Amino acid sequence: MSFQPSIPGLFSPSQGATAVQADLPLAQPLPATEKQIAYASTLAAKSKQQLPEGITRDRAALSRWIDAHKAPVAQGRFSNYPSSKQVAFAERIATLKRNPVPPECFRDKGLMSRWIDSNKPR
């Protein structure tokens, strides 16, 4: 027994998908978060600039503006070392697990991050 559709042309590949409402855009941009707006306003005030008109309505556009206007990350002798918060968190984990943090982790923030991720309590 085979299935025969009762409506001719119902499953024909020539029809294709049709838009429900053709004038709607495909995706609306997400509005910026409160934290993004606050940080962008702080950056704009420090550089004595105004935020571009309507930029707070698009999260991605505001993020690009922030990236273009924020201060560059300082490069120096200790820029690759883990932060004090990272070290404190790792030491708390080490105490809980009774497993010491390897010494090389104290010289590389990437290694410290990986050690934390693999050892943090679940």
Protein backbone atom coordinates (compact mmCIF):
# COMPACT_ATOMS: atom_id res chain seq x y z
CA MET A 1 0.00 0.00 0.00
CA SER A 2 1.43 3.36 -0.93
CA PHE A 3 0.50 6.78 0.31
CA GLN A 4 -1.05 9.01 -2.28
CA PRO A 5 -1.64 12.64 -1.24
CA SER A 6 -5.22 13.74 -1.59
CA ILE A 7 -4.16 17.26 -2.55
CA PRO A 8 -2.34 17.32 -5.89
CA GLY A 9 0.94 19.22 -5.83
CA LEU A 10 1.10 19.29 -2.02
CA PHE A 11 4.54 17.73 -1.88
CA SER A 12 5.90 18.99 -5.16
CA PRO A 13 9.45 20.40 -4.86
CA SER A 14 8.70 23.21 -7.31
CA GLN A 15 6.59 25.15 -4.82
CA GLY A 16 9.35 25.87 -2.29
CA ALA A 17 9.03 27.89 0.88
CA THR A 18 7.15 31.16 0.80
CA ALA A 19 7.52 34.04 3.23
CA VAL A 20 4.67 34.58 5.67
CA GLN A 21 5.12 38.33 5.55
CA ALA A 22 7.61 39.59 2.98
CA ASP A 23 8.22 43.07 4.44
CA LEU A 24 9.62 41.85 7.82
CA PRO A 25 13.40 41.92 8.24
CA LEU A 26 15.05 38.57 8.92
CA ALA A 27 16.42 39.42 12.34
CA GLN A 28 15.99 42.37 14.66
CA PRO A 29 19.18 43.49 16.40
CA LEU A 30 19.24 42.92 20.13
CA PRO A 31 19.27 46.08 22.25
CA ALA A 32 22.41 46.85 24.26
CA THR A 33 22.57 45.72 27.87
CA GLU A 34 22.60 48.16 30.79
CA LYS A 35 26.23 47.26 31.57
CA GLN A 36 27.27 47.88 27.95
CA ILE A 37 25.59 51.27 27.93
CA ALA A 38 27.17 52.24 31.26
CA TYR A 39 30.65 51.18 30.13
CA ALA A 40 30.28 52.93 26.76
CA SER A 41 29.09 56.10 28.50
CA THR A 42 32.13 55.99 30.80
CA LEU A 43 34.46 55.57 27.81
CA ALA A 44 32.76 58.40 25.97
CA ALA A 45 33.04 60.71 29.01
CA LYS A 46 36.74 59.91 29.44
CA SER A 47 37.46 60.71 25.80
CA LYS A 48 35.09 63.72 25.80
CA GLN A 49 32.97 62.24 22.99
CA GLN A 50 29.30 61.58 22.47
CA LEU A 51 27.92 58.12 21.80
CA PRO A 52 26.70 57.85 18.20
CA GLU A 53 22.97 58.38 17.77
CA GLY A 54 20.91 55.19 18.14
CA ILE A 55 23.86 52.91 18.89
CA THR A 56 22.24 51.65 22.10
CA ARG A 57 19.58 49.89 20.01
CA ASP A 58 22.14 47.44 18.55
CA ARG A 59 24.20 45.30 20.92
CA ALA A 60 26.74 44.26 18.27
CA ALA A 61 27.31 47.82 17.03
CA LEU A 62 27.83 49.10 20.57
CA SER A 63 30.26 46.26 21.24
CA ARG A 64 32.30 47.22 18.16
CA TRP A 65 32.30 50.88 19.30
CA ILE A 66 33.53 49.85 22.76
CA ASP A 67 36.31 47.70 21.26
CA ALA A 68 37.44 50.59 19.09
CA HIS A 69 37.49 53.13 21.96
CA LYS A 70 38.68 51.21 25.01
CA ALA A 71 42.22 51.57 26.29
CA PRO A 72 44.69 49.03 24.92
CA VAL A 73 45.81 46.26 27.24
CA ALA A 74 49.09 47.12 28.91
CA GLN A 75 52.04 45.09 27.66
CA GLY A 76 54.87 44.64 30.06
CA ARG A 77 57.02 42.27 31.96
CA PHE A 78 54.16 40.91 34.07
CA SER A 79 51.28 41.12 31.57
CA ASN A 80 51.16 37.34 31.10
CA TYR A 81 51.08 36.59 34.84
CA PRO A 82 47.76 35.50 36.41
CA SER A 83 45.76 38.08 38.33
CA SER A 84 45.64 38.10 42.12
CA LYS A 85 42.00 36.98 41.98
CA GLN A 86 42.94 34.07 39.74
CA VAL A 87 45.73 33.01 42.11
CA ALA A 88 43.47 33.30 45.17
CA PHE A 89 40.76 31.21 43.49
CA ALA A 90 43.30 28.56 42.45
CA GLU A 91 44.68 28.40 45.99
CA ARG A 92 41.18 27.94 47.42
CA ILE A 93 40.60 25.07 44.98
CA ALA A 94 43.97 23.55 45.87
CA THR A 95 43.10 23.69 49.57
CA LEU A 96 39.72 22.02 48.99
CA LYS A 97 41.17 19.31 46.78
CA ARG A 98 44.40 18.94 48.78
CA ASN A 99 46.26 19.17 45.50
CA PRO A 100 48.92 21.91 45.07
CA VAL A 101 48.89 24.34 42.17
CA PRO A 102 51.85 23.59 39.87
CA PRO A 103 54.55 26.31 40.08
CA GLU A 104 54.49 26.99 36.31
CA CYS A 105 50.86 28.11 36.61
CA PHE A 106 51.99 31.13 38.65
CA ARG A 107 53.94 32.43 35.62
CA ASP A 108 51.29 32.01 32.89
CA LYS A 109 47.65 33.11 33.12
CA GLY A 110 46.62 30.68 30.37
CA LEU A 111 48.04 27.73 32.28
CA MET A 112 46.42 28.96 35.49
CA SER A 113 43.07 29.26 33.74
CA ARG A 114 43.32 25.71 32.39
CA TRP A 115 44.33 24.38 35.82
CA ILE A 116 41.35 26.12 37.43
CA ASP A 117 38.95 24.80 34.78
CA SER A 118 40.17 21.23 35.21
CA ASN A 119 40.21 21.31 39.02
CA LYS A 120 37.29 23.49 40.13
CA PRO A 121 34.59 21.72 42.15
CA ARG A 122 31.51 20.79 40.18
